[in-house]
């Protein structure tokens, strides 16, 4: 969950049941308030999921950077095969040759394209011109595929963040509502929107969130 998402949260737990029943003087309904920074800092489920998200983000970014920097002229099928062989052990003799070929392929294409790009049109053969066009097309396609890979990774991270946010929000609201019912509170708000008064239930919320199911 991003810091922006956390900063914009407002827990509101309106307790219709509390408002509906008669209230004695010593049980006057009140507002509960929660220090959200403390909740996020102590909520074990959130910390666990945040760590998982950070690890996923690190892994996907590293994967994207490796392809962009080390294998910029490999196409999807070639890059995926290279990674498959790199993660496989042991490799057969043919697989080792294929792995070595794919490892060199990007650099070979880059060197060829660099050499052909500086040749003047009147000094380049038809075969070299055709090869240059093919290599330029491969470079363009590879760049498009790298961009698609980056967009896919970002979509994966966004979905992960959204799912985690929904679950964390659901658990926090459930805890706030339960505590509101137990303490005769008509609402629970973030402490930074309460100008004065209110009952601080931060510790109770944290305790309930971290309680193991019975």
Protein backbone atom coordinates (compact mmCIF):
# COMPACT_ATOMS: atom_id res chain seq x y z
CA UNK A 1 0.00 0.00 0.00
CA UNK A 2 1.40 3.38 -0.97
CA UNK A 3 1.96 6.19 1.54
CA UNK A 4 -0.59 8.29 -0.36
CA UNK A 5 -3.26 5.61 0.10
CA UNK A 6 -2.54 5.36 3.82
CA UNK A 7 -2.57 9.13 4.30
CA UNK A 8 -6.00 9.46 2.71
CA UNK A 9 -7.77 6.91 4.86
CA UNK A 10 -10.67 7.93 7.01
CA UNK A 11 -12.25 5.26 9.19
CA UNK A 12 -15.90 5.96 9.86
CA UNK A 13 -17.89 3.35 11.78
CA UNK A 14 -21.42 4.65 12.35
CA UNK A 15 -23.13 2.47 14.92
CA UNK A 16 -26.84 2.52 14.14
CA UNK A 17 -27.55 0.05 16.92
CA UNK A 18 -25.93 2.33 19.50
CA UNK A 19 -27.93 5.34 18.38
CA UNK A 20 -31.18 3.39 18.31
CA UNK A 21 -31.16 2.10 21.87
CA UNK A 22 -31.80 4.26 24.97
CA UNK A 23 -28.61 5.71 26.43
CA UNK A 24 -28.11 6.38 30.10
CA UNK A 25 -26.34 9.54 31.26
CA UNK A 26 -23.15 7.73 32.21
CA UNK A 27 -23.12 6.05 28.78
CA UNK A 28 -23.33 9.16 26.62
CA UNK A 29 -22.29 8.29 23.07
CA UNK A 30 -18.89 9.63 22.08
CA UNK A 31 -16.50 9.74 19.16
CA UNK A 32 -13.58 7.34 18.96
CA UNK A 33 -10.30 8.41 17.41
CA UNK A 34 -7.42 6.40 16.02
CA UNK A 35 -3.77 7.28 15.38
CA UNK A 36 -3.45 5.71 11.94
CA UNK A 37 0.36 5.90 11.80
CA UNK A 38 0.54 3.84 14.99
CA UNK A 39 -1.94 1.32 13.64
CA UNK A 40 0.02 0.80 10.44
CA UNK A 41 3.27 0.59 12.39
CA UNK A 42 1.93 -2.14 14.69
CA UNK A 43 -0.54 -4.02 12.46
CA UNK A 44 1.28 -7.32 11.83
CA UNK A 45 -0.80 -8.36 8.80
CA UNK A 46 -0.15 -5.03 7.11
CA UNK A 47 3.59 -5.19 7.80
CA UNK A 48 3.75 -8.71 6.39
CA UNK A 49 1.85 -7.77 3.23
CA UNK A 50 3.85 -4.56 2.81
CA UNK A 51 7.05 -6.61 2.96
CA UNK A 52 5.67 -9.02 0.33
CA UNK A 53 4.75 -6.07 -1.89
CA UNK A 54 8.21 -4.55 -1.56
CA UNK A 55 9.84 -7.86 -2.46
CA UNK A 56 7.58 -8.27 -5.51
CA UNK A 57 8.35 -4.72 -6.59
CA UNK A 58 12.09 -5.32 -6.17
CA UNK A 59 11.96 -8.56 -8.17
CA UNK A 60 9.90 -7.17 -11.05
CA UNK A 61 11.98 -4.00 -11.30
CA UNK A 62 15.20 -6.03 -11.27
CA UNK A 63 13.84 -8.29 -14.01
CA UNK A 64 12.87 -5.32 -16.15
CA UNK A 65 16.19 -3.53 -15.62
CA UNK A 66 18.18 -6.68 -16.45
CA UNK A 67 16.41 -7.11 -19.76
CA UNK A 68 16.59 -3.42 -20.65
CA UNK A 69 20.30 -3.11 -19.80
CA UNK A 70 21.77 -6.55 -20.55
CA UNK A 71 19.51 -7.92 -23.29
CA UNK A 72 17.99 -4.92 -25.10
CA UNK A 73 17.98 -6.61 -28.52
CA UNK A 74 16.40 -9.90 -27.52
CA UNK A 75 12.78 -10.53 -28.43
CA UNK A 76 10.25 -12.01 -26.00
CA UNK A 77 10.64 -15.62 -27.13
CA UNK A 78 14.44 -15.40 -27.03
CA UNK A 79 14.58 -13.66 -23.67
CA UNK A 80 12.08 -16.06 -22.09
CA UNK A 81 14.06 -19.05 -23.39
CA UNK A 82 17.28 -17.57 -22.00
CA UNK A 83 15.73 -17.15 -18.53
CA UNK A 84 14.24 -20.65 -18.69
CA UNK A 85 17.65 -22.17 -19.45
CA UNK A 86 19.39 -20.03 -16.84
CA UNK A 87 17.01 -21.33 -14.17
CA UNK A 88 17.35 -24.94 -15.28
CA UNK A 89 19.98 -27.34 -13.98
CA UNK A 90 21.66 -29.38 -15.16
CA UNK A 91 21.69 -28.43 -18.86
CA UNK A 92 22.28 -30.86 -21.67
CA UNK A 93 25.07 -30.18 -24.14
CA UNK A 94 22.61 -28.77 -26.68
CA UNK A 95 20.95 -26.62 -24.04
CA UNK A 96 24.32 -25.20 -23.00
CA UNK A 97 25.06 -24.24 -26.60
CA UNK A 98 21.63 -22.61 -26.92
CA UNK A 99 22.12 -20.73 -23.65
CA UNK A 100 25.50 -19.43 -24.79
CA UNK A 101 24.08 -18.43 -28.17
CA UNK A 102 21.22 -16.49 -26.61
CA UNK A 103 23.57 -14.86 -24.12
CA UNK A 104 25.72 -13.54 -26.99
CA UNK A 105 22.88 -12.84 -29.43
CA UNK A 106 21.97 -9.40 -28.15
CA UNK A 107 25.57 -8.18 -28.14
CA UNK A 108 26.16 -9.67 -31.60
CA UNK A 109 23.14 -7.83 -32.98
CA UNK A 110 24.19 -4.62 -31.30
CA UNK A 111 27.71 -4.86 -32.75
CA UNK A 112 26.39 -5.65 -36.22
CA UNK A 113 23.92 -2.78 -36.13
CA UNK A 114 26.59 -0.35 -34.93
CA UNK A 115 28.89 -1.37 -37.77
CA UNK A 116 26.20 -1.19 -40.44
CA UNK A 117 24.76 2.10 -39.20
CA UNK A 118 27.92 4.04 -40.01
CA UNK A 119 28.17 2.74 -43.59
CA UNK A 120 27.18 5.23 -46.26
CA UNK A 121 24.46 4.15 -48.68
CA UNK A 122 26.85 4.16 -51.63
CA UNK A 123 29.29 1.89 -49.78
CA UNK A 124 26.87 -0.66 -48.38
CA UNK A 125 25.94 -3.84 -50.19
CA UNK A 126 22.36 -4.87 -50.79
CA UNK A 127 22.82 -7.77 -48.36
CA UNK A 128 24.22 -5.47 -45.67
CA UNK A 129 21.42 -2.98 -46.22
CA UNK A 130 18.84 -5.75 -45.83
CA UNK A 131 20.52 -6.96 -42.64
CA UNK A 132 20.59 -3.42 -41.25
CA UNK A 133 16.87 -3.03 -41.88
CA UNK A 134 16.21 -6.38 -40.21
CA UNK A 135 18.25 -5.42 -37.15
CA UNK A 136 16.55 -2.03 -36.89
CA UNK A 137 13.17 -3.77 -37.03
CA UNK A 138 14.29 -6.18 -34.28
CA UNK A 139 15.42 -3.25 -32.14
CA UNK A 140 12.09 -1.49 -32.57
CA UNK A 141 10.14 -4.66 -31.77
CA UNK A 142 12.33 -5.39 -28.76
CA UNK A 143 11.79 -1.87 -27.41
CA UNK A 144 8.03 -2.24 -27.80
CA UNK A 145 8.11 -5.60 -26.02
CA UNK A 146 10.20 -4.17 -23.19
CA UNK A 147 7.69 -1.36 -22.79
CA UNK A 148 4.86 -3.91 -22.68
CA UNK A 149 6.79 -5.87 -20.06
CA UNK A 150 7.18 -2.76 -17.91
CA UNK A 151 3.47 -1.95 -18.22
CA UNK A 152 2.57 -5.54 -17.28
CA UNK A 153 4.77 -5.35 -14.19
CA UNK A 154 3.21 -2.04 -13.15
CA UNK A 155 -0.27 -3.51 -13.59
CA UNK A 156 0.73 -6.49 -11.42
CA UNK A 157 1.98 -4.17 -8.67
CA UNK A 158 -1.12 -1.98 -8.88
CA UNK A 159 -3.39 -5.04 -8.53
CA UNK A 160 -1.36 -6.33 -5.59
CA UNK A 161 -1.55 -2.94 -3.88
CA UNK A 162 -5.29 -2.66 -4.51
CA UNK A 163 -6.03 -6.12 -3.12
CA UNK A 164 -3.91 -5.49 -0.03
CA UNK A 165 -5.53 -2.10 0.56
CA UNK A 166 -9.02 -3.57 0.39
CA UNK A 167 -8.19 -6.34 2.85
CA UNK A 168 -6.43 -3.99 5.28
CA UNK A 169 -9.30 -1.50 5.09
CA UNK A 170 -11.85 -4.26 5.68
CA UNK A 171 -10.03 -5.54 8.75
CA UNK A 172 -9.55 -2.07 10.21
CA UNK A 173 -13.18 -1.10 9.72
CA UNK A 174 -14.34 -4.37 11.28
CA UNK A 175 -12.10 -3.75 14.30
CA UNK A 176 -13.28 -0.14 14.63
CA UNK A 177 -16.94 -1.12 14.46
CA UNK A 178 -16.55 -3.85 17.03
CA UNK A 179 -14.78 -1.54 19.46
CA UNK A 180 -17.33 1.20 18.83
CA UNK A 181 -20.13 -1.18 19.78
CA UNK A 182 -18.32 -2.25 22.94
CA UNK A 183 -17.57 1.33 24.03
CA UNK A 184 -20.80 3.08 23.05
CA UNK A 185 -19.15 5.11 20.27
CA UNK A 186 -21.26 6.54 17.46
CA UNK A 187 -18.29 6.92 15.11
CA UNK A 188 -14.57 6.31 14.83
CA UNK A 189 -12.41 8.88 13.06
CA UNK A 190 -8.76 9.41 12.32
CA UNK A 191 -7.22 11.46 15.11
CA UNK A 192 -5.94 14.14 12.73
CA UNK A 193 -9.51 15.16 11.81
CA UNK A 194 -10.68 15.45 15.42
CA UNK A 195 -10.16 19.04 16.61
CA UNK A 196 -10.79 18.22 20.29
CA UNK A 197 -12.25 15.50 22.48
CA UNK A 198 -12.83 11.96 21.43
CA UNK A 199 -11.74 8.69 22.99
CA UNK A 200 -8.43 7.29 21.78
CA UNK A 201 -8.97 3.64 20.87
CA UNK A 202 -5.72 3.15 18.93
CA UNK A 203 -4.34 0.47 21.23
CA UNK A 204 -7.65 -1.40 21.27
CA UNK A 205 -7.78 -1.38 17.47
CA UNK A 206 -4.21 -2.69 17.23
CA UNK A 207 -4.88 -5.37 19.83
CA UNK A 208 -7.98 -6.59 18.00
CA UNK A 209 -6.25 -6.54 14.61
CA UNK A 210 -3.36 -8.63 15.89
CA UNK A 211 -5.48 -11.05 17.91
CA UNK A 212 -5.24 -14.62 16.68
CA UNK A 213 -8.54 -16.26 15.66
CA UNK A 214 -9.99 -18.39 18.40
